[in-house]
Amino acid sequence: MTWSILARDDDGRFGVAIASRFFAVGALCAHTRRGVGALATQALMNPLYGPQGMQWLAEGGAPHDVISRLTGADAGRAHRQVHALG
């Protein structure tokens, strides 16, 4: 079982919490940038989702659009989990 939670406080700081059966998932699965957003990816995660997703959020992309762009170009999307908060 895996789960992720994303949060933003009133000062614009973001946080990510992840639970997974895999050791040290935080190294590749959790991504945040103050004032921009947070993104979490799990399951058979794509390591490119985090950096690319954060860039698109920084450019003003809406979270649902960022997720659509990430998964739309990924043949393995049916095996991944991804969440974004801007």
Protein backbone atom coordinates (compact mmCIF):
# COMPACT_ATOMS: atom_id res chain seq x y z
CA MET A 1 0.00 0.00 0.00
CA THR A 2 1.19 3.52 -0.80
CA TRP A 3 -0.19 6.93 0.01
CA SER A 4 0.87 10.55 -0.39
CA ILE A 5 -0.31 13.79 1.14
CA LEU A 6 0.57 17.29 -0.04
CA ALA A 7 0.06 20.44 2.01
CA ARG A 8 0.64 24.21 1.86
CA ASP A 9 0.73 26.56 4.83
CA ASP A 10 -0.36 30.20 4.93
CA ASP A 11 3.22 31.37 4.25
CA GLY A 12 3.45 29.44 0.97
CA ARG A 13 5.59 26.58 2.27
CA PHE A 14 4.79 23.14 0.90
CA GLY A 15 5.24 19.70 2.39
CA VAL A 16 4.95 16.12 1.22
CA ALA A 17 4.52 12.93 3.24
CA ILE A 18 4.75 9.50 1.64
CA ALA A 19 4.29 5.95 2.88
CA SER A 20 5.49 3.05 0.79
CA ARG A 21 6.89 -0.45 1.08
CA PHE A 22 10.06 0.75 -0.66
CA PHE A 23 12.98 2.05 1.40
CA ALA A 24 14.00 5.73 1.07
CA VAL A 25 11.30 6.74 -1.40
CA GLY A 26 11.67 10.39 -0.44
CA ALA A 27 14.84 10.68 -2.49
CA LEU A 28 12.93 10.46 -5.79
CA CYS A 29 9.23 10.75 -4.98
CA ALA A 30 8.74 14.03 -3.09
CA HIS A 31 9.33 17.42 -4.73
CA THR A 32 8.62 20.90 -3.37
CA ARG A 33 9.55 24.49 -4.11
CA ARG A 34 8.50 27.34 -1.85
CA GLY A 35 5.98 29.62 -3.49
CA VAL A 36 5.61 27.23 -6.44
CA GLY A 37 4.15 23.89 -5.41
CA ALA A 38 4.55 20.28 -4.44
CA LEU A 39 4.47 17.06 -6.41
CA ALA A 40 4.55 13.43 -5.31
CA THR A 41 4.92 10.39 -7.54
CA GLN A 42 4.81 6.74 -6.53
CA ALA A 43 4.09 3.18 -7.63
CA LEU A 44 6.31 2.45 -10.64
CA MET A 45 7.37 6.07 -10.47
CA ASN A 46 8.87 8.02 -13.32
CA PRO A 47 11.90 9.94 -11.96
CA LEU A 48 11.38 12.66 -14.57
CA TYR A 49 7.95 13.64 -13.21
CA GLY A 50 9.35 15.62 -10.28
CA PRO A 51 11.82 17.96 -11.99
CA GLN A 52 9.64 18.50 -15.07
CA GLY A 53 6.45 18.92 -13.06
CA MET A 54 8.03 21.45 -10.74
CA GLN A 55 9.32 23.43 -13.73
CA TRP A 56 5.86 23.57 -15.29
CA LEU A 57 4.32 24.61 -11.94
CA ALA A 58 6.98 27.36 -11.67
CA GLU A 59 5.97 28.56 -15.13
CA GLY A 60 2.40 28.98 -13.89
CA GLY A 61 0.88 25.68 -14.97
CA ALA A 62 -2.22 24.53 -13.10
CA PRO A 63 -1.65 21.27 -11.18
CA HIS A 64 -4.22 19.32 -13.22
CA ASP A 65 -2.63 20.55 -16.47
CA VAL A 66 0.84 19.60 -15.23
CA ILE A 67 -0.36 16.09 -14.40
CA SER A 68 -2.01 15.79 -17.81
CA ARG A 69 1.19 16.84 -19.55
CA LEU A 70 3.34 14.46 -17.52
CA THR A 71 1.10 11.44 -17.95
CA GLY A 72 0.05 12.19 -21.52
CA ALA A 73 3.58 11.65 -22.81
CA ASP A 74 4.26 8.56 -20.66
CA ALA A 75 3.49 5.09 -22.03
CA GLY A 76 3.72 3.70 -18.46
CA ARG A 77 1.18 6.15 -16.99
CA ALA A 78 -1.30 3.40 -16.05
CA HIS A 79 1.23 2.09 -13.50
CA ARG A 80 2.04 5.39 -11.81
CA GLN A 81 0.61 7.62 -9.13
CA VAL A 82 1.14 11.37 -9.24
CA HIS A 83 -0.30 14.26 -7.23
CA ALA A 84 0.37 17.99 -7.57
CA LEU A 85 -0.49 21.10 -5.57
CA GLY A 86 0.20 24.64 -6.68
